[in-house]
Amino acid sequence: MSGPIGNNPYRASGVVAAAAGGGAISWCTTVKTGAFCAAAGSGYLVNTTSTAFTATLPTGPADGDQIAFVDFAGTFDSNALTLGRGGSKIKGACACATVGEERGAVTIVYSGSTQGWIQTSQ
């Protein structure tokens, strides 16, 4: 099940200050412009102007871990961000996912081994 997370591409409505699960997201203010490993509890401003790339999710997530991603430059529609699953499921599937909507944003939470990473906001 590759493709966009959720049923519809995400539309950003602003930077999320706290995830729906209740834990605050600590925002990395250095804009990401190439592949990186995402950390639980972090939010990332992502710029795919030059190329599409992957944010690899943690390999040993704990239930309730949250991560957020925002399309910094409005280029996810031409150069999508791939969420590398880091060995865990994404929405119950053993596949990576993409965020491919211009100005897209997503916050995800790790829900356990059955469903893995699922969205809490878009």
N, C-alpha and C. Protein backbone atom coordinates (compact mmCIF):
# COMPACT_ATOMS: atom_id res chain seq x y z
N MET A 1 0.83 -1.17 0.00
CA MET A 1 0.00 0.00 0.00
C MET A 1 0.88 1.24 0.00
N SER A 2 1.49 1.51 -1.13
CA SER A 2 2.21 2.76 -1.22
C SER A 2 1.25 3.83 -1.67
N GLY A 3 1.67 5.05 -1.66
CA GLY A 3 0.81 6.14 -2.06
C GLY A 3 0.57 7.08 -0.91
N PRO A 4 -0.35 8.00 -1.09
CA PRO A 4 -0.58 9.00 -0.06
C PRO A 4 -1.09 8.40 1.24
N ILE A 5 -0.69 9.00 2.33
CA ILE A 5 -1.26 8.64 3.62
C ILE A 5 -2.67 9.20 3.63
N GLY A 6 -3.62 8.43 4.10
CA GLY A 6 -5.00 8.89 4.18
C GLY A 6 -5.72 8.69 2.86
N ASN A 7 -7.00 8.99 2.86
CA ASN A 7 -7.81 8.82 1.67
C ASN A 7 -7.61 9.94 0.67
N ASN A 8 -7.27 11.11 1.13
CA ASN A 8 -7.07 12.26 0.25
C ASN A 8 -5.71 12.88 0.56
N PRO A 9 -5.08 13.54 -0.42
CA PRO A 9 -3.84 14.25 -0.12
C PRO A 9 -4.09 15.30 0.94
N TYR A 10 -3.04 15.63 1.67
CA TYR A 10 -3.16 16.57 2.77
C TYR A 10 -3.10 18.00 2.29
N ARG A 11 -3.81 18.85 2.98
CA ARG A 11 -3.73 20.28 2.75
C ARG A 11 -3.34 20.90 4.09
N ALA A 12 -2.28 21.66 4.06
CA ALA A 12 -1.81 22.29 5.30
C ALA A 12 -2.74 23.43 5.68
N SER A 13 -3.05 23.51 6.94
CA SER A 13 -3.85 24.62 7.43
C SER A 13 -3.04 25.44 8.41
N GLY A 14 -1.74 25.29 8.38
CA GLY A 14 -0.84 25.97 9.30
C GLY A 14 0.01 24.96 10.03
N VAL A 15 1.02 25.40 10.69
CA VAL A 15 1.91 24.51 11.42
C VAL A 15 1.24 24.08 12.71
N VAL A 16 1.24 22.79 12.94
CA VAL A 16 0.59 22.22 14.12
C VAL A 16 1.50 22.43 15.33
N ALA A 17 0.97 23.00 16.38
CA ALA A 17 1.76 23.27 17.57
C ALA A 17 1.82 22.06 18.50
N ALA A 18 0.77 21.28 18.52
CA ALA A 18 0.75 20.08 19.36
C ALA A 18 -0.06 19.03 18.64
N ALA A 19 0.36 17.80 18.76
CA ALA A 19 -0.33 16.71 18.08
C ALA A 19 -1.62 16.36 18.81
N ALA A 20 -2.54 15.74 18.09
CA ALA A 20 -3.85 15.43 18.64
C ALA A 20 -3.78 14.51 19.85
N GLY A 21 -2.75 13.69 19.93
CA GLY A 21 -2.62 12.75 21.03
C GLY A 21 -2.26 13.42 22.34
N GLY A 22 -1.94 14.70 22.32
CA GLY A 22 -1.69 15.41 23.55
C GLY A 22 -0.24 15.78 23.78
N GLY A 23 0.71 15.07 23.16
CA GLY A 23 2.11 15.39 23.35
C GLY A 23 2.54 16.54 22.47
N ALA A 24 3.32 17.44 23.03
CA ALA A 24 3.81 18.57 22.24
C ALA A 24 4.84 18.09 21.24
N ILE A 25 4.85 18.72 20.08
CA ILE A 25 5.84 18.46 19.05
C ILE A 25 6.92 19.52 19.18
N SER A 26 8.17 19.12 19.22
CA SER A 26 9.29 20.04 19.25
C SER A 26 9.76 20.23 17.81
N TRP A 27 9.65 21.45 17.30
CA TRP A 27 9.93 21.71 15.88
C TRP A 27 11.40 21.94 15.63
N CYS A 28 11.92 21.22 14.65
CA CYS A 28 13.27 21.42 14.15
C CYS A 28 13.18 22.58 13.17
N THR A 29 13.82 23.70 13.46
CA THR A 29 13.69 24.88 12.61
C THR A 29 14.71 24.92 11.47
N THR A 30 15.61 23.95 11.43
CA THR A 30 16.51 23.83 10.29
C THR A 30 15.75 23.06 9.22
N VAL A 31 15.50 23.71 8.10
CA VAL A 31 14.70 23.11 7.03
C VAL A 31 15.44 21.92 6.43
N LYS A 32 14.74 20.80 6.29
CA LYS A 32 15.31 19.58 5.71
C LYS A 32 15.23 19.66 4.19
N THR A 33 16.36 19.43 3.50
CA THR A 33 16.41 19.51 2.04
C THR A 33 16.91 18.22 1.41
N GLY A 34 17.08 17.19 2.20
CA GLY A 34 17.51 15.88 1.72
C GLY A 34 17.10 14.82 2.70
N ALA A 35 17.35 13.57 2.34
CA ALA A 35 16.93 12.44 3.17
C ALA A 35 17.41 12.60 4.62
N PHE A 36 16.56 12.19 5.56
CA PHE A 36 16.92 12.27 6.97
C PHE A 36 16.15 11.23 7.76
N CYS A 37 16.61 10.98 8.98
CA CYS A 37 15.93 10.08 9.90
C CYS A 37 15.12 10.94 10.88
N ALA A 38 13.82 10.70 10.93
CA ALA A 38 12.93 11.46 11.80
C ALA A 38 12.98 10.89 13.21
N ALA A 39 12.80 11.74 14.20
CA ALA A 39 12.81 11.34 15.60
C ALA A 39 11.44 11.54 16.21
N ALA A 40 11.06 10.65 17.10
CA ALA A 40 9.79 10.76 17.81
C ALA A 40 9.73 12.09 18.57
N GLY A 41 8.56 12.72 18.56
CA GLY A 41 8.35 13.97 19.26
C GLY A 41 8.81 15.19 18.50
N SER A 42 9.21 14.99 17.23
CA SER A 42 9.75 16.09 16.43
C SER A 42 8.83 16.47 15.28
N GLY A 43 8.91 17.74 14.91
CA GLY A 43 8.22 18.25 13.73
C GLY A 43 9.27 18.80 12.78
N TYR A 44 9.03 18.64 11.49
CA TYR A 44 10.02 19.01 10.48
C TYR A 44 9.44 19.89 9.40
N LEU A 45 10.16 20.95 9.06
CA LEU A 45 9.88 21.78 7.90
C LEU A 45 10.68 21.15 6.76
N VAL A 46 9.99 20.72 5.70
CA VAL A 46 10.63 19.93 4.64
C VAL A 46 10.55 20.68 3.31
N ASN A 47 11.70 20.83 2.64
CA ASN A 47 11.78 21.52 1.36
C ASN A 47 12.23 20.55 0.28
N THR A 48 11.30 20.17 -0.61
CA THR A 48 11.62 19.25 -1.70
C THR A 48 11.75 19.99 -3.03
N THR A 49 12.13 21.27 -3.00
CA THR A 49 12.25 22.05 -4.23
C THR A 49 13.20 21.38 -5.22
N SER A 50 14.35 20.90 -4.76
CA SER A 50 15.36 20.33 -5.65
C SER A 50 15.08 18.89 -6.05
N THR A 51 14.53 18.10 -5.15
CA THR A 51 14.31 16.69 -5.41
C THR A 51 13.38 16.08 -4.37
N ALA A 52 12.71 15.01 -4.76
CA ALA A 52 11.94 14.23 -3.79
C ALA A 52 12.93 13.46 -2.92
N PHE A 53 12.57 13.20 -1.67
CA PHE A 53 13.43 12.40 -0.80
C PHE A 53 12.62 11.74 0.29
N THR A 54 13.31 10.98 1.14
CA THR A 54 12.66 10.17 2.16
C THR A 54 13.01 10.64 3.56
N ALA A 55 12.00 10.68 4.42
CA ALA A 55 12.18 10.84 5.86
C ALA A 55 11.93 9.46 6.45
N THR A 56 12.97 8.85 7.00
CA THR A 56 12.84 7.51 7.55
C THR A 56 12.33 7.59 8.98
N LEU A 57 11.25 6.86 9.25
CA LEU A 57 10.65 6.84 10.58
C LEU A 57 11.50 6.00 11.52
N PRO A 58 11.39 6.21 12.84
CA PRO A 58 12.20 5.47 13.81
C PRO A 58 12.05 3.95 13.69
N THR A 59 13.14 3.23 13.94
CA THR A 59 13.12 1.77 13.83
C THR A 59 12.55 1.07 15.05
N GLY A 60 12.50 1.72 16.18
CA GLY A 60 11.96 1.10 17.39
C GLY A 60 10.97 2.02 18.07
N PRO A 61 9.89 2.39 17.40
CA PRO A 61 8.96 3.35 18.01
C PRO A 61 8.22 2.75 19.20
N ALA A 62 7.82 3.64 20.10
CA ALA A 62 6.99 3.25 21.25
C ALA A 62 5.57 3.72 21.00
N ASP A 63 4.60 3.00 21.52
CA ASP A 63 3.20 3.41 21.39
C ASP A 63 3.05 4.85 21.84
N GLY A 64 2.39 5.66 21.03
CA GLY A 64 2.17 7.06 21.34
C GLY A 64 3.21 8.02 20.77
N ASP A 65 4.31 7.50 20.21
CA ASP A 65 5.29 8.39 19.57
C ASP A 65 4.62 9.15 18.44
N GLN A 66 4.96 10.43 18.31
CA GLN A 66 4.35 11.30 17.29
C GLN A 66 5.44 12.01 16.50
N ILE A 67 5.16 12.27 15.21
CA ILE A 67 6.06 13.01 14.34
C ILE A 67 5.20 13.84 13.38
N ALA A 68 5.66 15.05 13.04
CA ALA A 68 4.93 15.92 12.13
C ALA A 68 5.84 16.39 10.99
N PHE A 69 5.24 16.59 9.82
CA PHE A 69 5.96 17.05 8.63
C PHE A 69 5.13 18.13 7.95
N VAL A 70 5.80 19.20 7.47
CA VAL A 70 5.13 20.30 6.77
C VAL A 70 5.91 20.62 5.50
N ASP A 71 5.18 20.84 4.40
CA ASP A 71 5.76 21.23 3.11
C ASP A 71 6.18 22.70 3.18
N PHE A 72 7.42 22.94 3.47
CA PHE A 72 7.97 24.28 3.67
C PHE A 72 7.88 25.16 2.42
N ALA A 73 8.17 24.61 1.24
CA ALA A 73 8.27 25.41 0.02
C ALA A 73 7.10 25.22 -0.95
N GLY A 74 6.12 24.42 -0.58
CA GLY A 74 4.98 24.19 -1.46
C GLY A 74 5.32 23.35 -2.67
N THR A 75 6.18 22.35 -2.48
CA THR A 75 6.64 21.54 -3.63
C THR A 75 6.38 20.05 -3.48
N PHE A 76 5.62 19.63 -2.49
CA PHE A 76 5.32 18.20 -2.35
C PHE A 76 4.55 17.67 -3.56
N ASP A 77 3.81 18.54 -4.28
CA ASP A 77 3.06 18.07 -5.45
C ASP A 77 3.98 17.70 -6.60
N SER A 78 5.13 18.34 -6.71
CA SER A 78 6.08 17.99 -7.79
C SER A 78 7.19 17.08 -7.31
N ASN A 79 7.56 17.15 -6.05
CA ASN A 79 8.58 16.30 -5.44
C ASN A 79 8.07 15.84 -4.07
N ALA A 80 7.37 14.73 -4.07
CA ALA A 80 6.71 14.24 -2.86
C ALA A 80 7.72 13.83 -1.78
N LEU A 81 7.29 13.95 -0.54
CA LEU A 81 8.05 13.43 0.59
C LEU A 81 7.60 11.99 0.81
N THR A 82 8.55 11.07 0.83
CA THR A 82 8.26 9.68 1.16
C THR A 82 8.53 9.47 2.64
N LEU A 83 7.61 8.80 3.32
CA LEU A 83 7.81 8.40 4.71
C LEU A 83 8.27 6.95 4.69
N GLY A 84 9.56 6.75 4.95
CA GLY A 84 10.12 5.41 5.01
C GLY A 84 9.70 4.75 6.29
N ARG A 85 9.19 3.56 6.21
CA ARG A 85 8.53 2.94 7.36
C ARG A 85 9.46 2.50 8.47
N GLY A 86 10.76 2.46 8.27
CA GLY A 86 11.69 2.12 9.35
C GLY A 86 11.44 0.75 9.96
N GLY A 87 10.80 -0.15 9.21
CA GLY A 87 10.52 -1.49 9.69
C GLY A 87 9.15 -1.66 10.31
N SER A 88 8.43 -0.57 10.57
CA SER A 88 7.09 -0.65 11.14
C SER A 88 6.04 -0.46 10.05
N LYS A 89 4.83 -0.88 10.33
CA LYS A 89 3.73 -0.69 9.39
C LYS A 89 3.31 0.78 9.35
N ILE A 90 2.72 1.15 8.23
CA ILE A 90 2.06 2.45 8.09
C ILE A 90 0.64 2.15 7.68
N LYS A 91 -0.32 2.55 8.51
CA LYS A 91 -1.74 2.27 8.29
C LYS A 91 -1.99 0.79 8.04
N GLY A 92 -1.34 -0.06 8.81
CA GLY A 92 -1.57 -1.49 8.75
C GLY A 92 -0.85 -2.21 7.63
N ALA A 93 -0.09 -1.51 6.80
CA ALA A 93 0.58 -2.13 5.66
C ALA A 93 2.10 -2.06 5.80
N CYS A 94 2.76 -3.04 5.24
CA CYS A 94 4.22 -3.07 5.22
C CYS A 94 4.71 -2.34 3.98
N ALA A 95 4.48 -1.04 3.93
CA ALA A 95 4.85 -0.22 2.78
C ALA A 95 5.10 1.21 3.24
N CYS A 96 5.95 1.90 2.48
CA CYS A 96 6.19 3.31 2.73
C CYS A 96 4.97 4.11 2.26
N ALA A 97 4.94 5.38 2.59
CA ALA A 97 3.84 6.25 2.18
C ALA A 97 4.41 7.56 1.66
N THR A 98 3.59 8.32 0.98
CA THR A 98 4.02 9.63 0.48
C THR A 98 3.06 10.72 0.92
N VAL A 99 3.60 11.92 1.02
CA VAL A 99 2.80 13.12 1.21
C VAL A 99 3.07 13.95 -0.04
N GLY A 100 2.08 14.07 -0.93
CA GLY A 100 2.30 14.64 -2.24
C GLY A 100 1.42 15.81 -2.61
N GLU A 101 0.84 16.47 -1.65
CA GLU A 101 -0.02 17.62 -1.93
C GLU A 101 0.75 18.91 -1.65
N GLU A 102 0.64 19.89 -2.56
CA GLU A 102 1.27 21.19 -2.35
C GLU A 102 0.83 21.76 -1.02
N ARG A 103 1.80 22.21 -0.23
CA ARG A 103 1.58 22.74 1.13
C ARG A 103 1.01 21.68 2.07
N GLY A 104 1.24 20.42 1.75
CA GLY A 104 0.76 19.32 2.57
C GLY A 104 1.42 19.30 3.94
N ALA A 105 0.72 18.73 4.87
CA ALA A 105 1.23 18.56 6.23
C ALA A 105 0.57 17.33 6.83
N VAL A 106 1.29 16.65 7.70
CA VAL A 106 0.72 15.48 8.36
C VAL A 106 1.38 15.29 9.72
N THR A 107 0.58 14.88 10.68
CA THR A 107 1.09 14.45 11.98
C THR A 107 0.68 12.99 12.12
N ILE A 108 1.64 12.15 12.51
CA ILE A 108 1.38 10.72 12.66
C ILE A 108 1.71 10.28 14.08
N VAL A 109 1.07 9.19 14.50
CA VAL A 109 1.32 8.61 15.81
C VAL A 109 1.52 7.11 15.64
N TYR A 110 2.42 6.56 16.45
CA TYR A 110 2.64 5.11 16.41
C TYR A 110 1.61 4.46 17.33
N SER A 111 0.82 3.55 16.76
CA SER A 111 -0.31 2.96 17.49
C SER A 111 -0.08 1.52 17.93
N GLY A 112 1.10 0.99 17.70
CA GLY A 112 1.38 -0.40 18.03
C GLY A 112 1.65 -1.20 16.76
N SER A 113 2.04 -2.46 16.92
CA SER A 113 2.50 -3.25 15.78
C SER A 113 1.41 -3.63 14.78
N THR A 114 0.15 -3.65 15.17
CA THR A 114 -0.91 -4.06 14.24
C THR A 114 -1.14 -3.03 13.14
N GLN A 115 -1.33 -1.76 13.50
CA GLN A 115 -1.56 -0.70 12.52
C GLN A 115 -0.33 0.16 12.28
N GLY A 116 0.58 0.18 13.23
CA GLY A 116 1.81 0.97 13.08
C GLY A 116 1.52 2.47 13.14
N TRP A 117 2.12 3.21 12.21
CA TRP A 117 1.96 4.66 12.15
C TRP A 117 0.63 5.01 11.49
N ILE A 118 -0.15 5.86 12.16
CA ILE A 118 -1.41 6.35 11.59
C ILE A 118 -1.48 7.86 11.77
N GLN A 119 -2.28 8.51 10.95
CA GLN A 119 -2.38 9.97 11.01
C GLN A 119 -3.25 10.40 12.16
N THR A 120 -2.86 11.54 12.76
CA THR A 120 -3.71 12.17 13.78
C THR A 120 -4.25 13.49 13.28
N SER A 121 -3.56 14.08 12.30
CA SER A 121 -4.05 15.33 11.71
C SER A 121 -3.46 15.48 10.33
N GLN A 122 -4.08 16.36 9.56
CA GLN A 122 -3.60 16.63 8.21
C GLN A 122 -3.71 18.09 7.91
